[in-house]
Amino acid sequence: MTGSVPGRCCQPRLGAGRGVRGRRDAGRNPACSGAGGGAAMKLKLKNVFLAYFLVSIAGLLYALVQLGQPCDCLPPLRAAAEQLRQKDLRISQLQAELRRPPPAPAQPPEPEALPTIYVVTPTYARLVQKAELVRLSQTLSLVPRLHWLLVEDAESPTPLVSGLLAASGLLFTHLVVLTPKAQRLREGEPGWVHPRGVEQRNKALDWLRGRGGAVGGEKDPPPPGTQGVVYFADDDNTYSRELVAIGCWMRWTRGVSVWPVGLVGGLRFEGPQVQDGRVVGFHTAWEPNRPFPVDMAGFAVALPLLLAKPNAQFDSTAPRGHLESSLLSHLVDPKDLEPRAANCTRNPFQAESLRGLATAGPGSHCIPAAAGTGVAHTDREAQDEAGGAAAAAGPGLRPSN
């Protein structure tokens, strides 16, 4: 039996006349042509295709089944849409608020029991009179329950002052009294030769005591038992808007209250020296031994005390620098003065970031860190006029009047 030998089936047989047949036999033999390997490969490809087809059909069927199921994605979408709507609404509200004009500031009610501050201001005709009165009136308008007593040094009321008072919006009383000729300054005389405004301040005190004389505004004096305080504010001084805070301090004065004043008496400031809540002295340059070495802008008097002392008034013949003492000597003892502004150590201008007060030594002396500390600042013109007495007072010392 003749068979093919492994490893040799593809070898051609030798011999004449058999070369072609041998090649044909080799071509018809599957083992020699590789036909068996090709068939196996085709079978594998069919199996892979069939498996892919079945998986695809299964996925398609699953997708078709899911198309009929309810979707859970709508609630999150609705929530996101609602958040966007709320944000758009808030933006619209903010834009509307920005376009709306700001409301007018509400004015706090003024309780009837709040004591009234009576501000006494003497004035006289001069080039800058209106400008200084306008400045002062605008400061006073910041203080609640204030009554302005404006006293002209004239024979009759002037249209300038009458019109200014009517336009000020303040509660006011217009008074007029002429300074006697003997007390007037002559041409070329410095201001400290004769004290100014004496008759005018006394006229205001007379009106408060019910002696009449008003030519405009409120003509009836305060009724008996009225609680109030009297403050002397010259028209050539400068008062900070923090006078509102000072007004709160001075308003509850029981006798005579005091505090520091800046740029006065040739110093950066004058003021009381306080220890344990009591006035024990004064920081001043001009005649520190005066009974009351204070400036006109540095004290206030309780109205009941003034009414109880009908003879207390300013003395036009008082020595230079003693005008304030001529009134206060009839009202209070120096040891009974009431220090305000936190025992005269608190700067009333602190809210404006101006110069502060520093406490020097155990006596709580009102010594400022820099110039210009105080409730009021006296006019520089008066300081220059006082220079004529500087040599007699010593270097750097000037009188307060």
Protein backbone atom coordinates (compact mmCIF):
# COMPACT_ATOMS: atom_id res chain seq x y z
CA MET A 1 0.00 0.00 0.00
CA THR A 2 1.42 3.09 -1.08
CA GLY A 3 0.91 6.32 1.07
CA SER A 4 2.40 9.70 1.45
CA VAL A 5 5.20 10.13 3.78
CA PRO A 6 4.96 13.03 6.24
CA GLY A 7 7.39 15.72 5.46
CA ARG A 8 7.87 14.48 1.98
CA CYS A 9 4.43 14.77 0.41
CA CYS A 10 5.35 17.91 -1.38
CA GLN A 11 8.56 16.54 -2.78
CA PRO A 12 8.32 15.92 -6.57
CA ARG A 13 8.99 12.38 -7.78
CA LEU A 14 11.97 11.82 -9.95
CA GLY A 15 11.80 10.04 -13.24
CA ALA A 16 11.24 10.74 -16.85
CA GLY A 17 7.69 11.49 -17.86
CA ARG A 18 6.48 12.02 -14.25
CA GLY A 19 7.47 15.58 -13.54
CA VAL A 20 4.14 17.10 -14.60
CA ARG A 21 2.01 14.51 -12.87
CA GLY A 22 3.93 14.88 -9.73
CA ARG A 23 3.18 18.57 -9.67
CA ARG A 24 -0.52 17.90 -10.27
CA ASP A 25 -0.64 15.44 -7.42
CA ALA A 26 0.94 18.02 -5.19
CA GLY A 27 -1.64 20.62 -6.24
CA ARG A 28 -4.56 18.27 -5.47
CA ASN A 29 -3.29 17.39 -1.99
CA PRO A 30 -5.01 19.60 0.69
CA ALA A 31 -2.22 19.14 3.15
CA CYS A 32 0.21 20.49 0.66
CA SER A 33 -1.90 23.44 -0.60
CA GLY A 34 -2.96 24.84 2.87
CA ALA A 35 -6.71 24.50 2.15
CA GLY A 36 -7.33 23.04 5.59
CA GLY A 37 -5.98 26.16 7.39
CA GLY A 38 -8.15 28.54 5.33
CA ALA A 39 -11.33 26.68 6.17
CA ALA A 40 -10.62 26.88 9.89
CA MET A 41 -10.07 30.65 9.67
CA LYS A 42 -13.39 31.14 7.90
CA LEU A 43 -15.16 29.21 10.61
CA LYS A 44 -13.70 31.44 13.32
CA LEU A 45 -14.76 34.61 11.48
CA LYS A 46 -18.29 33.30 11.19
CA ASN A 47 -18.41 32.59 14.89
CA VAL A 48 -17.17 36.10 15.78
CA PHE A 49 -19.68 37.73 13.41
CA LEU A 50 -22.47 35.63 14.84
CA ALA A 51 -21.54 36.59 18.42
CA TYR A 52 -21.35 40.32 17.52
CA PHE A 53 -24.70 40.09 15.76
CA LEU A 54 -26.34 38.45 18.76
CA VAL A 55 -24.91 41.08 21.18
CA SER A 56 -26.07 43.88 18.88
CA ILE A 57 -29.54 42.41 18.66
CA ALA A 58 -29.66 42.11 22.45
CA GLY A 59 -28.55 45.76 22.87
CA LEU A 60 -31.07 46.94 20.32
CA LEU A 61 -33.86 45.03 22.04
CA TYR A 62 -32.85 46.56 25.41
CA ALA A 63 -32.85 50.05 23.93
CA LEU A 64 -36.28 49.47 22.42
CA VAL A 65 -37.57 48.29 25.76
CA GLN A 66 -36.14 51.38 27.57
CA LEU A 67 -37.80 53.79 25.17
CA GLY A 68 -41.14 52.96 26.71
CA GLN A 69 -39.98 53.55 30.35
CA PRO A 70 -40.52 56.94 32.17
CA CYS A 71 -37.39 59.22 32.33
CA ASP A 72 -36.10 60.53 35.70
CA CYS A 73 -34.13 63.47 34.23
CA LEU A 74 -36.97 66.02 34.19
CA PRO A 75 -36.96 67.02 37.94
CA PRO A 76 -33.28 68.09 37.94
CA LEU A 77 -33.87 70.10 34.80
CA ARG A 78 -36.90 71.79 36.32
CA ALA A 79 -34.92 72.61 39.50
CA ALA A 80 -32.07 74.16 37.50
CA ALA A 81 -34.54 76.23 35.48
CA GLU A 82 -36.18 77.48 38.70
CA GLN A 83 -32.82 78.54 40.15
CA LEU A 84 -32.03 80.50 37.00
CA ARG A 85 -35.43 82.18 37.18
CA GLN A 86 -34.89 83.17 40.82
CA LYS A 87 -31.47 84.62 40.02
CA ASP A 88 -32.88 86.65 37.13
CA LEU A 89 -35.63 87.94 39.41
CA ARG A 90 -33.10 88.99 42.09
CA ILE A 91 -30.96 90.78 39.50
CA SER A 92 -34.02 92.68 38.31
CA GLN A 93 -34.85 93.70 41.87
CA LEU A 94 -31.31 94.94 42.51
CA GLN A 95 -31.33 96.95 39.30
CA ALA A 96 -34.64 98.53 40.29
CA GLU A 97 -33.22 99.46 43.72
CA LEU A 98 -30.20 101.08 42.11
CA ARG A 99 -32.46 103.21 39.91
CA ARG A 100 -34.66 104.22 42.85
CA PRO A 101 -33.65 107.60 44.42
CA PRO A 102 -32.42 107.38 48.02
CA PRO A 103 -35.07 108.12 50.65
CA ALA A 104 -34.86 111.33 52.63
CA PRO A 105 -33.24 110.81 56.04
CA ALA A 106 -35.80 110.49 58.78
CA GLN A 107 -35.65 113.22 61.37
CA PRO A 108 -35.77 111.83 64.89
CA PRO A 109 -38.58 113.23 66.99
CA GLU A 110 -37.61 115.89 69.49
CA PRO A 111 -38.97 115.06 72.95
CA GLU A 112 -40.64 117.99 74.63
CA ALA A 113 -38.76 117.25 77.85
CA LEU A 114 -35.38 117.93 76.21
CA PRO A 115 -33.90 121.18 77.64
CA THR A 116 -33.51 124.01 75.14
CA ILE A 117 -30.13 125.54 74.34
CA TYR A 118 -30.33 129.35 74.15
CA VAL A 119 -27.42 130.58 72.01
CA VAL A 120 -26.61 134.29 72.50
CA THR A 121 -24.75 135.95 69.61
CA PRO A 122 -23.83 139.65 69.51
CA THR A 123 -23.19 141.06 66.04
CA TYR A 124 -22.32 144.36 64.39
CA ALA A 125 -22.23 145.71 60.83
CA ARG A 126 -19.05 145.00 58.87
CA LEU A 127 -17.99 143.57 55.52
CA VAL A 128 -17.94 139.91 56.59
CA GLN A 129 -20.98 140.06 58.89
CA LYS A 130 -23.35 138.13 56.64
CA ALA A 131 -20.78 135.49 55.73
CA GLU A 132 -19.97 134.78 59.37
CA LEU A 133 -23.62 134.73 60.43
CA VAL A 134 -24.49 132.28 57.64
CA ARG A 135 -21.65 129.99 58.71
CA LEU A 136 -22.77 130.09 62.33
CA SER A 137 -26.46 129.56 61.50
CA GLN A 138 -25.67 126.47 59.47
CA THR A 139 -23.75 124.98 62.39
CA LEU A 140 -26.53 125.78 64.83
CA SER A 141 -29.08 124.13 62.53
CA LEU A 142 -27.49 120.77 63.38
CA VAL A 143 -28.45 121.06 67.05
CA PRO A 144 -32.00 120.03 68.05
CA ARG A 145 -34.13 122.24 70.30
CA LEU A 146 -32.00 125.33 69.94
CA HIS A 147 -33.17 128.95 70.28
CA TRP A 148 -30.92 131.59 68.69
CA LEU A 149 -30.82 135.01 70.37
CA LEU A 150 -29.15 137.31 67.83
CA VAL A 151 -28.49 140.81 69.16
CA GLU A 152 -27.49 143.63 66.80
CA ASP A 153 -25.27 146.52 67.82
CA ALA A 154 -27.50 149.09 66.14
CA GLU A 155 -30.28 151.58 66.78
CA SER A 156 -32.82 149.52 64.82
CA PRO A 157 -32.94 146.12 63.13
CA THR A 158 -31.19 145.94 59.76
CA PRO A 159 -32.70 144.23 56.69
CA LEU A 160 -29.57 142.09 56.34
CA VAL A 161 -29.91 140.48 59.75
CA SER A 162 -33.71 140.29 59.61
CA GLY A 163 -33.64 138.51 56.25
CA LEU A 164 -30.89 136.15 57.33
CA LEU A 165 -32.82 135.11 60.44
CA ALA A 166 -36.03 134.55 58.46
CA ALA A 167 -34.18 132.30 56.00
CA SER A 168 -32.19 130.36 58.62
CA GLY A 169 -34.97 127.95 59.55
CA LEU A 170 -34.02 128.32 63.22
CA LEU A 171 -36.17 129.28 66.15
CA PHE A 172 -34.86 132.79 66.86
CA THR A 173 -35.38 136.03 68.71
CA HIS A 174 -34.09 139.26 67.15
CA LEU A 175 -32.87 141.91 69.60
CA VAL A 176 -31.26 145.31 69.07
CA VAL A 177 -29.22 147.57 71.39
CA LEU A 178 -26.60 150.18 70.56
CA THR A 179 -23.25 150.21 72.34
CA PRO A 180 -22.75 153.50 74.26
CA LYS A 181 -20.35 155.89 72.59
CA ALA A 182 -17.92 155.76 75.51
CA GLN A 183 -17.55 151.98 75.05
CA ARG A 184 -17.01 152.04 71.28
CA LEU A 185 -13.62 151.51 69.73
CA ARG A 186 -12.06 154.55 68.15
CA GLU A 187 -10.49 154.31 64.74
CA GLY A 188 -7.13 152.57 64.97
CA GLU A 189 -7.69 151.16 68.48
CA PRO A 190 -7.04 147.43 68.97
CA GLY A 191 -9.99 145.27 69.91
CA TRP A 192 -8.75 144.53 73.41
CA VAL A 193 -9.00 148.15 74.59
CA HIS A 194 -12.77 147.82 75.16
CA PRO A 195 -14.63 144.54 75.54
CA ARG A 196 -17.04 143.98 72.68
CA GLY A 197 -20.63 142.77 72.78
CA VAL A 198 -21.23 143.59 76.46
CA GLU A 199 -24.48 145.52 75.97
CA GLN A 200 -25.72 142.94 73.46
CA ARG A 201 -25.15 139.95 75.75
CA ASN A 202 -26.82 141.77 78.65
CA LYS A 203 -29.77 142.57 76.38
CA ALA A 204 -30.23 138.85 75.73
CA LEU A 205 -30.09 138.14 79.48
CA ASP A 206 -32.77 140.81 80.03
CA TRP A 207 -35.04 139.16 77.45
CA LEU A 208 -34.60 135.76 79.10
CA ARG A 209 -35.63 137.34 82.40
CA GLY A 210 -38.85 138.64 80.89
CA ARG A 211 -37.87 142.26 80.31
CA GLY A 212 -38.88 142.28 76.66
CA GLY A 213 -37.18 144.11 73.82
CA ALA A 214 -37.57 141.61 70.98
CA VAL A 215 -38.01 143.11 67.50
CA GLY A 216 -38.43 139.88 65.54
CA GLY A 217 -38.95 136.15 65.83
CA GLU A 218 -40.12 134.68 69.14
CA LYS A 219 -40.96 137.62 71.38
CA ASP A 220 -42.18 135.82 74.49
CA PRO A 221 -39.45 134.77 76.94
CA PRO A 222 -39.33 131.23 78.30
CA PRO A 223 -42.06 130.66 80.90
CA PRO A 224 -41.11 130.10 84.54
CA GLY A 225 -39.80 126.63 85.23
CA THR A 226 -38.36 126.17 81.73
CA GLN A 227 -35.38 123.83 81.67
CA GLY A 228 -32.58 125.08 79.45
CA VAL A 229 -29.00 126.28 79.19
CA VAL A 230 -27.47 129.54 77.90
CA TYR A 231 -24.39 129.52 75.68
CA PHE A 232 -22.54 132.58 74.31
CA ALA A 233 -21.44 131.99 70.69
CA ASP A 234 -19.71 134.92 68.99
CA ASP A 235 -20.28 135.25 65.25
CA ASP A 236 -16.55 135.46 64.44
CA ASN A 237 -15.72 132.11 66.04
CA THR A 238 -15.66 128.74 64.29
CA TYR A 239 -17.74 125.89 65.67
CA SER A 240 -17.35 122.32 64.47
CA ARG A 241 -20.32 120.25 63.41
CA GLU A 242 -19.49 118.24 66.53
CA LEU A 243 -21.21 121.08 68.38
CA VAL A 244 -24.12 118.62 68.22
CA ALA A 245 -22.24 116.38 70.63
CA ILE A 246 -21.27 119.37 72.78
CA GLY A 247 -24.92 120.35 72.80
CA CYS A 248 -25.76 117.00 74.35
CA TRP A 249 -23.14 117.60 77.05
CA MET A 250 -24.02 121.22 77.85
CA ARG A 251 -27.79 120.66 77.67
CA TRP A 252 -27.91 118.99 81.09
CA THR A 253 -25.90 121.65 82.89
CA ARG A 254 -27.10 122.13 86.48
CA GLY A 255 -25.02 125.23 87.23
CA VAL A 256 -22.07 126.25 85.03
CA SER A 257 -20.32 123.73 82.77
CA VAL A 258 -16.88 124.20 81.16
CA TRP A 259 -14.70 122.57 78.46
CA PRO A 260 -11.56 123.32 76.36
CA VAL A 261 -11.44 125.98 73.62
CA GLY A 262 -8.83 126.06 70.86
CA LEU A 263 -6.67 128.93 69.55
CA VAL A 264 -7.32 131.39 72.33
CA GLY A 265 -5.25 133.56 74.64
CA GLY A 266 -2.14 133.20 72.50
CA LEU A 267 -2.14 129.44 73.16
CA ARG A 268 -3.08 126.39 71.17
CA PHE A 269 -5.91 125.93 73.60
CA GLU A 270 -7.26 126.96 76.97
CA GLY A 271 -9.21 124.69 79.27
CA PRO A 272 -9.90 123.43 82.76
CA GLN A 273 -7.63 121.13 84.74
CA VAL A 274 -9.71 118.32 86.22
CA GLN A 275 -8.91 115.90 89.01
CA ASP A 276 -11.36 113.32 90.38
CA GLY A 277 -14.18 114.90 88.42
CA ARG A 278 -13.63 118.41 89.82
CA VAL A 279 -12.04 121.52 88.31
CA VAL A 280 -8.83 122.26 90.21
CA GLY A 281 -7.29 124.87 87.92
CA PHE A 282 -7.00 126.15 84.36
CA HIS A 283 -4.49 125.78 81.56
CA THR A 284 -4.16 129.40 80.44
CA ALA A 285 -1.56 132.05 79.70
CA TRP A 286 -3.16 135.40 80.33
CA GLU A 287 -3.52 136.18 84.03
CA PRO A 288 -4.05 132.65 85.35
CA ASN A 289 -5.06 134.16 88.71
CA ARG A 290 -8.30 135.54 87.29
CA PRO A 291 -11.36 134.26 89.19
CA PHE A 292 -12.52 132.40 86.07
CA PRO A 293 -9.74 132.22 83.42
CA VAL A 294 -12.05 130.87 80.71
CA ASP A 295 -13.02 132.04 77.22
CA MET A 296 -16.54 133.16 76.33
CA ALA A 297 -16.95 130.02 74.18
CA GLY A 298 -15.83 127.69 76.96
CA PHE A 299 -18.78 127.67 79.35
CA ALA A 300 -22.57 127.40 79.55
CA VAL A 301 -24.98 128.49 82.29
CA ALA A 302 -28.17 126.74 83.34
CA LEU A 303 -31.20 128.91 82.62
CA PRO A 304 -32.78 128.41 86.09
CA LEU A 305 -29.55 129.64 87.67
CA LEU A 306 -29.54 132.80 85.55
CA LEU A 307 -33.18 133.49 86.38
CA ALA A 308 -32.48 132.96 90.07
CA LYS A 309 -29.69 135.59 89.93
CA PRO A 310 -31.42 138.62 88.34
CA ASN A 311 -28.45 140.95 88.93
CA ALA A 312 -25.86 138.71 87.28
CA GLN A 313 -24.62 140.30 84.07
CA PHE A 314 -21.48 141.30 82.18
CA ASP A 315 -19.60 144.38 83.40
CA SER A 316 -18.40 146.69 80.66
CA THR A 317 -15.88 148.28 83.06
CA ALA A 318 -14.24 144.98 83.98
CA PRO A 319 -10.45 144.83 83.47
CA ARG A 320 -9.15 143.29 80.30
CA GLY A 321 -9.63 139.51 80.35
CA HIS A 322 -12.12 139.64 83.24
CA LEU A 323 -15.35 139.97 81.27
CA GLU A 324 -16.32 136.32 81.74
CA SER A 325 -15.43 136.50 85.43
CA SER A 326 -17.71 139.53 85.88
CA LEU A 327 -20.70 137.30 85.10
CA LEU A 328 -19.61 133.97 86.53
CA SER A 329 -18.58 135.47 89.88
CA HIS A 330 -22.28 136.13 90.56
CA LEU A 331 -23.33 132.59 89.64
CA VAL A 332 -20.95 129.93 90.89
CA ASP A 333 -17.85 129.16 92.88
CA PRO A 334 -14.89 127.92 90.78
CA LYS A 335 -14.79 124.62 92.66
CA ASP A 336 -18.42 123.96 91.65
CA LEU A 337 -17.82 124.17 87.90
CA GLU A 338 -19.05 121.12 85.97
CA PRO A 339 -16.40 119.70 83.60
CA ARG A 340 -17.82 118.33 80.36
CA ALA A 341 -16.23 116.35 77.47
CA ALA A 342 -15.29 113.40 79.71
CA ASN A 343 -13.69 115.59 82.37
CA CYS A 344 -12.23 117.79 79.64
CA THR A 345 -10.04 114.96 78.34
CA ARG A 346 -12.20 113.85 75.42
CA ASN A 347 -11.86 115.56 72.08
CA PRO A 348 -15.31 116.47 70.73
CA PHE A 349 -13.86 116.45 67.19
CA GLN A 350 -12.74 112.82 67.39
CA ALA A 351 -15.32 111.74 64.80
CA GLU A 352 -13.64 114.01 62.23
CA SER A 353 -10.20 112.51 62.88
CA LEU A 354 -8.82 115.86 64.00
CA ARG A 355 -6.34 116.45 66.80
CA GLY A 356 -6.95 114.61 70.03
CA LEU A 357 -6.51 115.53 73.65
CA ALA A 358 -3.83 113.95 75.76
CA THR A 359 -3.86 113.64 79.53
CA ALA A 360 -0.76 115.06 81.19
CA GLY A 361 0.06 114.11 84.76
CA PRO A 362 -2.19 112.87 87.52
CA GLY A 363 -4.39 115.95 87.36
CA SER A 364 -5.91 115.06 83.97
CA HIS A 365 -4.85 118.41 82.53
CA CYS A 366 -6.48 119.18 79.19
CA ILE A 367 -3.30 119.40 77.13
CA PRO A 368 -3.83 118.88 73.38
CA ALA A 369 -1.55 116.87 71.15
CA ALA A 370 -1.60 119.69 68.61
CA ALA A 371 -3.16 123.06 67.95
CA GLY A 372 -6.82 123.66 67.40
CA THR A 373 -8.39 121.32 69.92
CA GLY A 374 -11.63 122.40 71.54
CA VAL A 375 -15.29 123.06 71.14
CA ALA A 376 -14.81 126.43 69.47
CA HIS A 377 -11.95 128.25 67.82
CA THR A 378 -11.65 131.99 68.42
CA ASP A 379 -11.00 134.28 65.49
CA ARG A 380 -7.39 134.87 64.54
CA GLU A 381 -8.05 138.60 64.08
CA ALA A 382 -8.75 139.00 67.77
CA GLN A 383 -5.56 137.12 68.55
CA ASP A 384 -3.55 139.48 66.39
CA GLU A 385 -5.20 142.50 67.98
CA ALA A 386 -4.16 141.19 71.38
CA GLY A 387 -0.52 141.29 70.39
CA GLY A 388 -0.12 144.74 71.88
CA ALA A 389 -0.17 143.22 75.38
CA ALA A 390 2.14 140.30 74.61
CA ALA A 391 5.27 142.08 75.80
CA ALA A 392 3.77 142.81 79.22
CA ALA A 393 2.43 139.26 79.58
CA GLY A 394 5.68 137.57 78.61
CA PRO A 395 6.95 135.75 75.50
CA GLY A 396 4.20 133.91 73.72
CA LEU A 397 1.47 135.09 76.12
CA ARG A 398 -1.51 137.10 74.96
CA PRO A 399 -4.73 138.24 76.59
CA SER A 400 -8.02 136.49 75.84
CA ASN A 401 -9.94 139.75 75.37
